[in-house]
Amino acid sequence: YIQMRLEEMERENFTRLKKIKAILERKEE
């Protein structure tokens, strides 16, 4: 159960990081 929660959190953090990265890259252009 806890393992599943951790994997969900990691996935959320990963998608959030990708969003932030995309926004930063857009700003640089």
Protein backbone atom coordinates (compact mmCIF):
# COMPACT_ATOMS: atom_id res chain seq x y z
CA TYR A 1 0.00 0.00 0.00
CA ILE A 2 2.67 2.48 1.02
CA GLN A 3 4.75 1.49 -2.00
CA MET A 4 1.84 2.32 -4.30
CA ARG A 5 1.44 5.73 -2.65
CA LEU A 6 5.14 6.48 -3.10
CA GLU A 7 4.98 5.55 -6.78
CA GLU A 8 1.96 7.81 -7.25
CA MET A 9 3.76 10.70 -5.57
CA GLU A 10 6.85 10.12 -7.71
CA ARG A 11 4.73 10.14 -10.85
CA GLU A 12 3.02 13.39 -9.78
CA ASN A 13 6.37 15.02 -9.00
CA PHE A 14 7.74 13.86 -12.35
CA THR A 15 4.83 15.33 -14.33
CA ARG A 16 5.10 18.55 -12.30
CA LEU A 17 8.82 18.80 -13.04
CA LYS A 18 8.15 18.24 -16.74
CA LYS A 19 5.55 21.03 -16.71
CA ILE A 20 7.91 23.44 -14.96
CA LYS A 21 10.72 22.51 -17.35
CA ALA A 22 8.45 23.14 -20.35
CA ILE A 23 7.42 26.53 -18.94
CA LEU A 24 11.04 27.52 -18.31
CA GLU A 25 12.05 26.47 -21.82
CA ARG A 26 9.19 28.53 -23.23
CA LYS A 27 10.36 31.59 -21.26
CA GLU A 28 13.90 31.27 -22.63
CA GLU A 29 12.71 31.45 -26.23
